Amino acid sequence: MAMSLRVVVPPHPLIGHWLTVLRQRQTPSAIYATAFQELGKWLTYEALRDWLPHQQQTVDSEQGPTQGTVIAQGIPLINIPLLPTALDLWQGARGLVPNAILCLEGVPDQIEANAGVLVYIDQITDGKRLQSVLIQLQEKELDGRRLRVICAVASNPGLKVLGESFPDLTVYTACIDADLTASGLISPGIGDPMQRLDFRSTARN
């Protein structure tokens, strides 16, 4: 069976709301960062829905034994936020995966054979930055079925580039936008996160 790139745009009103906040050009930097965090949380929630390993377990309730669901132990989850602008996406998601291994310096040297990997990128423009990371993961022999990409917005041209090289990839995003501007920004997009996050006022002070 031929594989094809899978792009999931969850129809959740909170995802739509926070995307709209990112799109609004008057949104202040602090609220813009909050919108990234909220999208990171909700998109990760959706990505984990049918992917997070779990198992049935019998537990003793107050009224006797009953069946419950628990997260499977012994299966590591690795989070790779592409710095600096994807850090807010990860910060929003970290409460959902508190035991995940955080890799702030890119792809780790070793990835366990059964590990799941979440890659966070602020947006997929021409696809080249993410493509570079995915090549590194391929070199680690990571099966694409154990990988999810989380981004606020993706462009059709960027997704086309990724689909040609990584057909078993799954991307979770708030929206797919049709075009790129001459300067490489997504249109209509969310602007330039480096500028809109004022990256970061504290770093310059």
N, C-alpha and C. Protein backbone atom coordinates (compact mmCIF):
# COMPACT_ATOMS: atom_id res chain seq x y z
N MET A 1 0.85 -1.20 0.00
CA MET A 1 0.00 0.00 0.00
C MET A 1 0.88 1.25 0.00
N ALA A 2 0.62 2.18 -0.92
CA ALA A 2 1.41 3.41 -0.97
C ALA A 2 1.09 4.28 0.23
N MET A 3 2.13 4.92 0.78
CA MET A 3 1.95 5.80 1.92
C MET A 3 1.89 7.24 1.43
N SER A 4 1.19 8.07 2.16
CA SER A 4 1.12 9.49 1.83
C SER A 4 1.14 10.31 3.10
N LEU A 5 1.66 11.53 2.98
CA LEU A 5 1.72 12.44 4.11
C LEU A 5 0.33 12.63 4.71
N ARG A 6 0.24 12.53 6.02
CA ARG A 6 -1.04 12.71 6.73
C ARG A 6 -0.99 14.02 7.49
N VAL A 7 -1.89 14.93 7.16
CA VAL A 7 -1.96 16.22 7.84
C VAL A 7 -3.31 16.31 8.53
N VAL A 8 -3.27 16.51 9.85
CA VAL A 8 -4.50 16.55 10.65
C VAL A 8 -4.73 17.98 11.13
N VAL A 9 -5.90 18.53 10.80
CA VAL A 9 -6.32 19.85 11.27
C VAL A 9 -7.53 19.62 12.17
N PRO A 10 -7.32 19.52 13.48
CA PRO A 10 -8.44 19.19 14.37
C PRO A 10 -9.51 20.28 14.36
N PRO A 11 -10.78 19.92 14.24
CA PRO A 11 -11.86 20.90 14.19
C PRO A 11 -12.31 21.34 15.59
N HIS A 12 -11.37 21.76 16.40
CA HIS A 12 -11.69 22.16 17.77
C HIS A 12 -11.80 23.68 17.84
N PRO A 13 -12.88 24.22 18.41
CA PRO A 13 -13.04 25.68 18.44
C PRO A 13 -11.93 26.40 19.19
N LEU A 14 -11.34 25.78 20.21
CA LEU A 14 -10.24 26.43 20.91
C LEU A 14 -9.00 26.54 20.02
N ILE A 15 -8.78 25.55 19.18
CA ILE A 15 -7.67 25.62 18.24
C ILE A 15 -7.91 26.75 17.24
N GLY A 16 -9.14 26.84 16.74
CA GLY A 16 -9.49 27.92 15.83
C GLY A 16 -9.35 29.29 16.49
N HIS A 17 -9.74 29.38 17.75
CA HIS A 17 -9.65 30.65 18.47
C HIS A 17 -8.21 31.12 18.59
N TRP A 18 -7.33 30.23 19.05
CA TRP A 18 -5.95 30.65 19.28
C TRP A 18 -5.19 30.88 17.98
N LEU A 19 -5.58 30.19 16.91
CA LEU A 19 -5.01 30.50 15.60
C LEU A 19 -5.39 31.92 15.19
N THR A 20 -6.64 32.28 15.42
CA THR A 20 -7.09 33.63 15.07
C THR A 20 -6.33 34.68 15.85
N VAL A 21 -6.04 34.40 17.11
CA VAL A 21 -5.23 35.32 17.92
C VAL A 21 -3.84 35.51 17.30
N LEU A 22 -3.25 34.42 16.82
CA LEU A 22 -1.94 34.52 16.17
C LEU A 22 -2.03 35.32 14.87
N ARG A 23 -3.09 35.15 14.14
CA ARG A 23 -3.22 35.84 12.86
C ARG A 23 -3.39 37.36 13.03
N GLN A 24 -4.04 37.77 14.08
CA GLN A 24 -4.35 39.19 14.29
C GLN A 24 -3.06 39.99 14.47
N ARG A 25 -2.83 40.93 13.58
CA ARG A 25 -1.56 41.66 13.60
C ARG A 25 -1.40 42.55 14.82
N GLN A 26 -2.50 42.94 15.48
CA GLN A 26 -2.41 43.80 16.66
C GLN A 26 -2.21 43.00 17.95
N THR A 27 -2.15 41.68 17.89
CA THR A 27 -1.99 40.90 19.11
C THR A 27 -0.65 41.22 19.79
N PRO A 28 -0.66 41.61 21.07
CA PRO A 28 0.59 41.90 21.78
C PRO A 28 1.48 40.67 21.89
N SER A 29 2.77 40.90 22.06
CA SER A 29 3.74 39.81 22.10
C SER A 29 3.40 38.77 23.17
N ALA A 30 3.01 39.23 24.36
CA ALA A 30 2.73 38.28 25.46
C ALA A 30 1.53 37.40 25.13
N ILE A 31 0.49 37.97 24.51
CA ILE A 31 -0.69 37.18 24.15
C ILE A 31 -0.36 36.27 22.97
N TYR A 32 0.48 36.75 22.07
CA TYR A 32 0.93 35.92 20.94
C TYR A 32 1.62 34.67 21.46
N ALA A 33 2.48 34.86 22.48
CA ALA A 33 3.17 33.70 23.09
C ALA A 33 2.16 32.77 23.74
N THR A 34 1.16 33.33 24.42
CA THR A 34 0.13 32.51 25.05
C THR A 34 -0.62 31.69 24.01
N ALA A 35 -0.89 32.29 22.85
CA ALA A 35 -1.60 31.57 21.79
C ALA A 35 -0.77 30.37 21.31
N PHE A 36 0.53 30.55 21.19
CA PHE A 36 1.40 29.43 20.82
C PHE A 36 1.31 28.32 21.87
N GLN A 37 1.34 28.72 23.14
CA GLN A 37 1.29 27.72 24.21
C GLN A 37 -0.03 26.96 24.19
N GLU A 38 -1.11 27.68 23.97
CA GLU A 38 -2.42 27.02 23.92
C GLU A 38 -2.51 26.07 22.73
N LEU A 39 -2.00 26.49 21.59
CA LEU A 39 -2.02 25.60 20.42
C LEU A 39 -1.13 24.38 20.66
N GLY A 40 0.01 24.60 21.32
CA GLY A 40 0.87 23.47 21.65
C GLY A 40 0.14 22.45 22.51
N LYS A 41 -0.64 22.94 23.47
CA LYS A 41 -1.39 22.04 24.36
C LYS A 41 -2.46 21.28 23.60
N TRP A 42 -3.31 22.00 22.85
CA TRP A 42 -4.45 21.35 22.22
C TRP A 42 -4.05 20.47 21.03
N LEU A 43 -3.04 20.89 20.27
CA LEU A 43 -2.59 20.07 19.15
C LEU A 43 -1.89 18.80 19.65
N THR A 44 -1.15 18.93 20.75
CA THR A 44 -0.51 17.74 21.32
C THR A 44 -1.57 16.79 21.87
N TYR A 45 -2.56 17.34 22.52
CA TYR A 45 -3.68 16.51 23.01
C TYR A 45 -4.28 15.69 21.87
N GLU A 46 -4.52 16.35 20.73
CA GLU A 46 -5.10 15.66 19.60
C GLU A 46 -4.13 14.63 19.02
N ALA A 47 -2.85 14.97 18.99
CA ALA A 47 -1.85 14.05 18.43
C ALA A 47 -1.72 12.79 19.26
N LEU A 48 -1.91 12.92 20.57
CA LEU A 48 -1.75 11.78 21.47
C LEU A 48 -3.01 10.92 21.57
N ARG A 49 -4.10 11.43 21.05
CA ARG A 49 -5.39 10.76 21.25
C ARG A 49 -5.37 9.29 20.83
N ASP A 50 -4.86 9.00 19.64
CA ASP A 50 -4.87 7.61 19.15
C ASP A 50 -3.45 7.06 18.99
N TRP A 51 -2.52 7.66 19.71
CA TRP A 51 -1.11 7.32 19.50
C TRP A 51 -0.37 6.96 20.78
N LEU A 52 -0.79 7.54 21.90
CA LEU A 52 -0.10 7.31 23.16
C LEU A 52 -0.33 5.87 23.61
N PRO A 53 0.73 5.09 23.81
CA PRO A 53 0.55 3.69 24.21
C PRO A 53 -0.18 3.57 25.55
N HIS A 54 -1.17 2.70 25.61
CA HIS A 54 -1.94 2.53 26.84
C HIS A 54 -2.40 1.08 26.92
N GLN A 55 -2.90 0.72 28.09
CA GLN A 55 -3.34 -0.65 28.29
C GLN A 55 -4.45 -0.69 29.32
N GLN A 56 -5.21 -1.77 29.31
CA GLN A 56 -6.28 -1.97 30.28
C GLN A 56 -5.70 -2.58 31.55
N GLN A 57 -6.27 -2.15 32.66
CA GLN A 57 -5.80 -2.66 33.94
C GLN A 57 -6.98 -2.75 34.91
N THR A 58 -7.01 -3.84 35.65
CA THR A 58 -8.05 -3.99 36.67
C THR A 58 -7.63 -3.27 37.95
N VAL A 59 -8.53 -2.45 38.47
CA VAL A 59 -8.25 -1.72 39.71
C VAL A 59 -9.38 -1.98 40.71
N ASP A 60 -9.06 -1.78 41.97
CA ASP A 60 -10.06 -1.96 43.02
C ASP A 60 -10.70 -0.62 43.34
N SER A 61 -11.95 -0.45 42.96
CA SER A 61 -12.69 0.76 43.32
C SER A 61 -13.35 0.56 44.68
N GLU A 62 -14.02 1.59 45.17
CA GLU A 62 -14.73 1.48 46.44
C GLU A 62 -15.80 0.40 46.40
N GLN A 63 -16.33 0.15 45.18
CA GLN A 63 -17.41 -0.83 45.04
C GLN A 63 -16.94 -2.15 44.44
N GLY A 64 -15.63 -2.35 44.38
CA GLY A 64 -15.12 -3.61 43.84
C GLY A 64 -14.28 -3.42 42.59
N PRO A 65 -13.79 -4.50 42.00
CA PRO A 65 -12.92 -4.43 40.83
C PRO A 65 -13.62 -3.80 39.62
N THR A 66 -12.84 -3.04 38.85
CA THR A 66 -13.34 -2.47 37.60
C THR A 66 -12.17 -2.30 36.64
N GLN A 67 -12.49 -2.18 35.37
CA GLN A 67 -11.46 -2.01 34.35
C GLN A 67 -11.14 -0.53 34.17
N GLY A 68 -9.86 -0.22 34.03
CA GLY A 68 -9.41 1.14 33.78
C GLY A 68 -8.35 1.16 32.69
N THR A 69 -8.02 2.35 32.24
CA THR A 69 -6.99 2.54 31.23
C THR A 69 -5.81 3.27 31.85
N VAL A 70 -4.60 2.77 31.62
CA VAL A 70 -3.40 3.42 32.13
C VAL A 70 -2.40 3.56 31.00
N ILE A 71 -1.56 4.58 31.09
CA ILE A 71 -0.50 4.79 30.11
C ILE A 71 0.54 3.69 30.27
N ALA A 72 0.92 3.07 29.16
CA ALA A 72 1.89 1.99 29.20
C ALA A 72 3.25 2.50 29.67
N GLN A 73 3.87 1.77 30.56
CA GLN A 73 5.18 2.13 31.08
C GLN A 73 6.26 1.55 30.18
N GLY A 74 7.43 2.14 30.24
CA GLY A 74 8.57 1.60 29.53
C GLY A 74 8.67 2.01 28.07
N ILE A 75 7.79 2.91 27.61
CA ILE A 75 7.87 3.41 26.25
C ILE A 75 8.21 4.89 26.30
N PRO A 76 9.46 5.27 26.04
CA PRO A 76 9.87 6.66 26.18
C PRO A 76 9.23 7.56 25.13
N LEU A 77 9.01 8.81 25.51
CA LEU A 77 8.50 9.83 24.60
C LEU A 77 9.51 10.97 24.58
N ILE A 78 9.94 11.35 23.39
CA ILE A 78 10.97 12.38 23.22
C ILE A 78 10.34 13.60 22.59
N ASN A 79 10.58 14.77 23.19
CA ASN A 79 10.10 16.05 22.66
C ASN A 79 11.26 16.84 22.11
N ILE A 80 11.13 17.27 20.84
CA ILE A 80 12.19 18.06 20.20
C ILE A 80 11.58 19.37 19.70
N PRO A 81 11.64 20.45 20.49
CA PRO A 81 11.18 21.75 19.99
C PRO A 81 12.30 22.43 19.20
N LEU A 82 11.98 22.93 18.00
CA LEU A 82 12.99 23.61 17.19
C LEU A 82 13.08 25.06 17.65
N LEU A 83 14.20 25.35 18.29
CA LEU A 83 14.38 26.65 18.94
C LEU A 83 14.67 27.74 17.90
N PRO A 84 14.36 29.00 18.29
CA PRO A 84 13.77 29.37 19.57
C PRO A 84 12.24 29.42 19.58
N THR A 85 11.62 29.56 18.42
CA THR A 85 10.21 29.94 18.40
C THR A 85 9.25 28.80 18.72
N ALA A 86 9.70 27.55 18.67
CA ALA A 86 8.80 26.44 19.01
C ALA A 86 8.77 26.16 20.50
N LEU A 87 9.58 26.89 21.26
CA LEU A 87 9.63 26.62 22.70
C LEU A 87 8.28 26.87 23.36
N ASP A 88 7.56 27.88 22.89
CA ASP A 88 6.24 28.15 23.47
C ASP A 88 5.25 27.03 23.17
N LEU A 89 5.33 26.45 21.98
CA LEU A 89 4.47 25.30 21.68
C LEU A 89 4.73 24.18 22.67
N TRP A 90 6.01 23.89 22.90
CA TRP A 90 6.35 22.81 23.84
C TRP A 90 5.92 23.16 25.26
N GLN A 91 6.11 24.42 25.67
CA GLN A 91 5.73 24.80 27.03
C GLN A 91 4.24 24.58 27.26
N GLY A 92 3.43 24.82 26.24
CA GLY A 92 2.01 24.57 26.38
C GLY A 92 1.69 23.09 26.50
N ALA A 93 2.53 22.26 25.89
CA ALA A 93 2.25 20.82 25.84
C ALA A 93 2.84 20.04 27.00
N ARG A 94 3.79 20.60 27.70
CA ARG A 94 4.57 19.78 28.64
C ARG A 94 3.75 19.23 29.80
N GLY A 95 2.65 19.90 30.15
CA GLY A 95 1.80 19.36 31.21
C GLY A 95 1.10 18.07 30.79
N LEU A 96 0.95 17.86 29.48
CA LEU A 96 0.32 16.64 28.99
C LEU A 96 1.29 15.47 28.97
N VAL A 97 2.57 15.77 28.85
CA VAL A 97 3.60 14.71 28.76
C VAL A 97 4.73 15.04 29.74
N PRO A 98 4.42 15.08 31.03
CA PRO A 98 5.41 15.54 32.01
C PRO A 98 6.64 14.66 32.10
N ASN A 99 6.54 13.41 31.69
CA ASN A 99 7.69 12.51 31.79
C ASN A 99 8.46 12.38 30.49
N ALA A 100 8.12 13.19 29.50
CA ALA A 100 8.81 13.12 28.22
C ALA A 100 10.25 13.61 28.36
N ILE A 101 11.11 13.07 27.54
CA ILE A 101 12.51 13.50 27.49
C ILE A 101 12.59 14.73 26.61
N LEU A 102 13.12 15.82 27.14
CA LEU A 102 13.20 17.09 26.41
C LEU A 102 14.57 17.22 25.77
N CYS A 103 14.60 17.48 24.47
CA CYS A 103 15.86 17.64 23.73
C CYS A 103 15.88 19.05 23.15
N LEU A 104 16.57 19.96 23.85
CA LEU A 104 16.63 21.36 23.41
C LEU A 104 17.75 21.60 22.41
N GLU A 105 18.60 20.63 22.21
CA GLU A 105 19.72 20.81 21.29
C GLU A 105 19.53 20.00 20.02
N GLY A 106 18.30 19.75 19.66
CA GLY A 106 18.03 19.03 18.43
C GLY A 106 17.92 17.53 18.63
N VAL A 107 18.14 16.81 17.56
CA VAL A 107 17.98 15.35 17.57
C VAL A 107 19.03 14.73 18.49
N PRO A 108 18.61 13.88 19.44
CA PRO A 108 19.57 13.25 20.36
C PRO A 108 20.43 12.22 19.63
N ASP A 109 21.57 11.90 20.25
CA ASP A 109 22.49 10.92 19.65
C ASP A 109 21.87 9.53 19.59
N GLN A 110 21.08 9.19 20.62
CA GLN A 110 20.49 7.87 20.68
C GLN A 110 18.98 7.98 20.84
N ILE A 111 18.24 7.16 20.08
CA ILE A 111 16.79 7.09 20.21
C ILE A 111 16.43 5.61 20.37
N GLU A 112 15.78 5.29 21.47
CA GLU A 112 15.42 3.90 21.72
C GLU A 112 14.47 3.38 20.64
N ALA A 113 14.59 2.10 20.38
CA ALA A 113 13.85 1.50 19.26
C ALA A 113 12.34 1.65 19.39
N ASN A 114 11.83 1.72 20.62
CA ASN A 114 10.38 1.81 20.82
C ASN A 114 9.91 3.22 21.18
N ALA A 115 10.80 4.21 21.08
CA ALA A 115 10.46 5.57 21.51
C ALA A 115 9.49 6.23 20.53
N GLY A 116 8.65 7.09 21.08
CA GLY A 116 7.83 7.98 20.27
C GLY A 116 8.48 9.36 20.28
N VAL A 117 8.37 10.09 19.18
CA VAL A 117 9.03 11.39 19.05
C VAL A 117 8.01 12.44 18.62
N LEU A 118 7.98 13.55 19.36
CA LEU A 118 7.18 14.72 19.00
C LEU A 118 8.13 15.85 18.62
N VAL A 119 8.01 16.35 17.40
CA VAL A 119 8.81 17.48 16.94
C VAL A 119 7.90 18.70 16.89
N TYR A 120 8.33 19.78 17.55
CA TYR A 120 7.57 21.03 17.57
C TYR A 120 8.28 22.07 16.70
N ILE A 121 7.55 22.66 15.76
CA ILE A 121 8.07 23.73 14.93
C ILE A 121 6.98 24.80 14.83
N ASP A 122 7.37 26.06 14.93
CA ASP A 122 6.36 27.13 14.97
C ASP A 122 5.45 27.10 13.74
N GLN A 123 6.05 26.94 12.54
CA GLN A 123 5.27 26.87 11.32
C GLN A 123 6.10 26.18 10.24
N ILE A 124 5.42 25.57 9.31
CA ILE A 124 6.09 24.93 8.18
C ILE A 124 5.95 25.87 6.99
N THR A 125 7.03 26.56 6.65
CA THR A 125 7.01 27.49 5.52
C THR A 125 7.38 26.74 4.24
N ASP A 126 8.67 26.77 3.87
CA ASP A 126 9.07 26.02 2.68
C ASP A 126 9.42 24.56 2.99
N GLY A 127 9.38 24.20 4.26
CA GLY A 127 9.61 22.82 4.68
C GLY A 127 11.07 22.44 4.88
N LYS A 128 11.99 23.32 4.52
CA LYS A 128 13.41 22.94 4.51
C LYS A 128 13.99 22.76 5.91
N ARG A 129 13.60 23.60 6.86
CA ARG A 129 14.15 23.45 8.20
C ARG A 129 13.69 22.14 8.83
N LEU A 130 12.41 21.85 8.72
CA LEU A 130 11.89 20.60 9.25
C LEU A 130 12.47 19.41 8.49
N GLN A 131 12.65 19.56 7.21
CA GLN A 131 13.22 18.49 6.39
C GLN A 131 14.59 18.08 6.92
N SER A 132 15.39 19.05 7.31
CA SER A 132 16.73 18.77 7.84
C SER A 132 16.65 17.92 9.11
N VAL A 133 15.72 18.25 9.99
CA VAL A 133 15.55 17.49 11.24
C VAL A 133 15.04 16.09 10.94
N LEU A 134 14.11 15.97 10.02
CA LEU A 134 13.55 14.66 9.69
C LEU A 134 14.60 13.75 9.06
N ILE A 135 15.51 14.31 8.29
CA ILE A 135 16.60 13.52 7.73
C ILE A 135 17.47 12.95 8.84
N GLN A 136 17.74 13.78 9.86
CA GLN A 136 18.53 13.30 11.00
C GLN A 136 17.81 12.17 11.72
N LEU A 137 16.50 12.29 11.85
CA LEU A 137 15.73 11.23 12.51
C LEU A 137 15.71 9.96 11.66
N GLN A 138 15.64 10.12 10.35
CA GLN A 138 15.72 8.95 9.47
C GLN A 138 17.05 8.22 9.64
N GLU A 139 18.12 9.01 9.80
CA GLU A 139 19.45 8.41 9.98
C GLU A 139 19.54 7.62 11.28
N LYS A 140 18.67 7.96 12.24
CA LYS A 140 18.59 7.19 13.49
C LYS A 140 17.67 5.99 13.34
N GLU A 141 17.19 5.76 12.11
CA GLU A 141 16.30 4.65 11.79
C GLU A 141 14.97 4.74 12.55
N LEU A 142 14.50 5.97 12.75
CA LEU A 142 13.21 6.17 13.39
C LEU A 142 12.08 5.88 12.39
N ASP A 143 11.22 4.98 12.73
CA ASP A 143 10.06 4.67 11.92
C ASP A 143 9.10 5.86 11.95
N GLY A 144 8.66 6.30 10.78
CA GLY A 144 7.77 7.46 10.71
C GLY A 144 6.49 7.29 11.48
N ARG A 145 6.08 6.05 11.73
CA ARG A 145 4.86 5.82 12.50
C ARG A 145 5.04 6.16 13.97
N ARG A 146 6.28 6.34 14.40
CA ARG A 146 6.55 6.71 15.80
C ARG A 146 6.86 8.20 15.94
N LEU A 147 6.50 8.97 14.90
CA LEU A 147 6.84 10.39 14.87
C LEU A 147 5.59 11.22 14.62
N ARG A 148 5.45 12.33 15.34
CA ARG A 148 4.42 13.31 15.10
C ARG A 148 5.06 14.70 15.08
N VAL A 149 4.59 15.54 14.14
CA VAL A 149 5.04 16.93 14.06
C VAL A 149 3.89 17.83 14.49
N ILE A 150 4.19 18.78 15.37
CA ILE A 150 3.21 19.75 15.85
C ILE A 150 3.62 21.13 15.38
N CYS A 151 2.73 21.84 14.69
CA CYS A 151 3.04 23.21 14.26
C CYS A 151 1.76 24.05 14.27
N ALA A 152 1.94 25.36 14.41
CA ALA A 152 0.78 26.25 14.48
C ALA A 152 0.08 26.36 13.12
N VAL A 153 0.86 26.47 12.06
CA VAL A 153 0.30 26.61 10.72
C VAL A 153 1.30 26.05 9.72
N ALA A 154 0.78 25.53 8.62
CA ALA A 154 1.64 24.95 7.59
C ALA A 154 1.21 25.46 6.22
N SER A 155 2.19 25.57 5.32
CA SER A 155 1.88 26.01 3.96
C SER A 155 1.77 24.80 3.04
N ASN A 156 0.96 24.93 2.02
CA ASN A 156 0.85 23.87 1.02
C ASN A 156 2.20 23.56 0.36
N PRO A 157 2.98 24.58 -0.05
CA PRO A 157 4.28 24.27 -0.66
C PRO A 157 5.20 23.51 0.28
N GLY A 158 5.23 23.88 1.55
CA GLY A 158 6.09 23.19 2.51
C GLY A 158 5.66 21.76 2.72
N LEU A 159 4.36 21.54 2.81
CA LEU A 159 3.85 20.17 3.00
C LEU A 159 4.15 19.31 1.78
N LYS A 160 4.10 19.92 0.59
CA LYS A 160 4.41 19.17 -0.63
C LYS A 160 5.86 18.68 -0.60
N VAL A 161 6.77 19.56 -0.18
CA VAL A 161 8.18 19.18 -0.07
C VAL A 161 8.35 18.02 0.90
N LEU A 162 7.70 18.10 2.05
CA LEU A 162 7.83 17.05 3.06
C LEU A 162 7.20 15.75 2.59
N GLY A 163 6.05 15.84 1.93
CA GLY A 163 5.37 14.65 1.48
C GLY A 163 6.16 13.86 0.45
N GLU A 164 6.97 14.55 -0.33
CA GLU A 164 7.77 13.87 -1.35
C GLU A 164 8.90 13.06 -0.73
N SER A 165 9.39 13.51 0.43
CA SER A 165 10.53 12.83 1.05
C SER A 165 10.15 11.96 2.24
N PHE A 166 9.03 12.28 2.90
CA PHE A 166 8.65 11.57 4.12
C PHE A 166 7.18 11.18 4.05
N PRO A 167 6.84 10.21 3.21
CA PRO A 167 5.43 9.90 2.97
C PRO A 167 4.69 9.29 4.16
N ASP A 168 5.43 8.80 5.16
CA ASP A 168 4.75 8.21 6.32
C ASP A 168 4.66 9.17 7.49
N LEU A 169 4.90 10.45 7.23
CA LEU A 169 4.88 11.47 8.28
C LEU A 169 3.45 11.89 8.61
N THR A 170 3.21 12.21 9.90
CA THR A 170 1.93 12.76 10.34
C THR A 170 2.17 14.12 10.98
N VAL A 171 1.46 15.13 10.49
CA VAL A 171 1.59 16.51 10.97
C VAL A 171 0.26 16.94 11.58
N TYR A 172 0.32 17.55 12.77
CA TYR A 172 -0.85 18.16 13.39
C TYR A 172 -0.66 19.67 13.36
N THR A 173 -1.62 20.37 12.80
CA THR A 173 -1.52 21.81 12.65
C THR A 173 -2.89 22.45 12.81
N ALA A 174 -2.90 23.75 13.14
CA ALA A 174 -4.16 24.46 13.29
C ALA A 174 -4.76 24.84 11.95
N CYS A 175 -3.92 24.92 10.89
CA CYS A 175 -4.44 25.35 9.60
C CYS A 175 -3.41 25.07 8.50
N ILE A 176 -3.90 24.84 7.29
CA ILE A 176 -3.05 24.77 6.11
C ILE A 176 -3.34 26.00 5.26
N ASP A 177 -2.32 26.83 5.06
CA ASP A 177 -2.46 28.03 4.23
C ASP A 177 -1.88 27.75 2.85
N ALA A 178 -2.44 28.41 1.84
CA ALA A 178 -2.15 28.04 0.46
C ALA A 178 -0.79 28.49 -0.04
N ASP A 179 -0.36 29.68 0.35
CA ASP A 179 0.76 30.29 -0.38
C ASP A 179 1.88 30.74 0.54
N LEU A 180 3.03 31.05 -0.12
CA LEU A 180 4.15 31.73 0.52
C LEU A 180 4.36 33.07 -0.19
N THR A 181 4.73 34.09 0.58
CA THR A 181 5.04 35.38 -0.02
C THR A 181 6.44 35.32 -0.64
N ALA A 182 6.80 36.36 -1.35
CA ALA A 182 8.12 36.44 -1.96
C ALA A 182 9.23 36.39 -0.92
N SER A 183 8.92 36.84 0.29
CA SER A 183 9.92 36.83 1.36
C SER A 183 9.92 35.54 2.15
N GLY A 184 9.05 34.59 1.79
CA GLY A 184 9.05 33.29 2.44
C GLY A 184 8.10 33.13 3.58
N LEU A 185 7.25 34.14 3.85
CA LEU A 185 6.26 34.02 4.92
C LEU A 185 5.01 33.33 4.39
N ILE A 186 4.33 32.63 5.28
CA ILE A 186 3.08 31.99 4.91
C ILE A 186 1.99 33.05 4.74
N SER A 187 1.15 32.88 3.75
CA SER A 187 0.03 33.81 3.51
C SER A 187 -1.29 33.04 3.56
N PRO A 188 -2.28 33.50 4.39
CA PRO A 188 -2.23 34.70 5.24
C PRO A 188 -1.32 34.55 6.46
N GLY A 189 -1.14 33.36 6.98
CA GLY A 189 -0.12 33.11 7.99
C GLY A 189 -0.33 33.78 9.33
N ILE A 190 0.75 33.81 10.09
CA ILE A 190 0.73 34.35 11.46
C ILE A 190 1.86 35.36 11.66
N GLY A 191 2.35 35.90 10.55
CA GLY A 191 3.46 36.84 10.64
C GLY A 191 4.78 36.12 10.90
N ASP A 192 5.78 36.89 11.29
CA ASP A 192 7.10 36.35 11.60
C ASP A 192 7.20 36.16 13.11
N PRO A 193 7.14 34.92 13.62
CA PRO A 193 7.17 34.71 15.06
C PRO A 193 8.39 35.30 15.75
N MET A 194 9.55 35.30 15.09
CA MET A 194 10.74 35.89 15.71
C MET A 194 10.51 37.36 16.04
N GLN A 195 9.85 38.07 15.15
CA GLN A 195 9.58 39.49 15.39
C GLN A 195 8.40 39.67 16.34
N ARG A 196 7.35 38.88 16.14
CA ARG A 196 6.15 39.10 16.92
C ARG A 196 6.28 38.65 18.36
N LEU A 197 7.16 37.68 18.61
CA LEU A 197 7.45 37.29 19.99
C LEU A 197 8.46 38.25 20.60
N ASP A 198 8.94 39.20 19.78
CA ASP A 198 9.88 40.23 20.23
C ASP A 198 11.07 39.52 20.87
N PHE A 199 11.71 38.64 20.15
CA PHE A 199 12.48 37.53 20.69
C PHE A 199 13.77 37.90 21.34
N ARG A 200 13.65 37.72 22.51
CA ARG A 200 12.64 38.02 23.52
C ARG A 200 13.09 39.29 24.17
N SER A 201 12.15 40.11 24.62
CA SER A 201 12.52 41.37 25.23
C SER A 201 13.54 41.17 26.34
N THR A 202 13.36 40.12 27.13
CA THR A 202 14.27 39.87 28.24
C THR A 202 15.67 39.51 27.76
N ALA A 203 15.76 38.90 26.55
CA ALA A 203 17.06 38.51 26.04
C ALA A 203 17.87 39.74 25.62
N ARG A 204 17.17 40.83 25.29
CA ARG A 204 17.86 42.01 24.83
C ARG A 204 18.17 42.96 25.97
N ASN A 205 17.55 42.75 27.12
CA ASN A 205 17.73 43.67 28.25
C ASN A 205 18.86 43.21 29.17
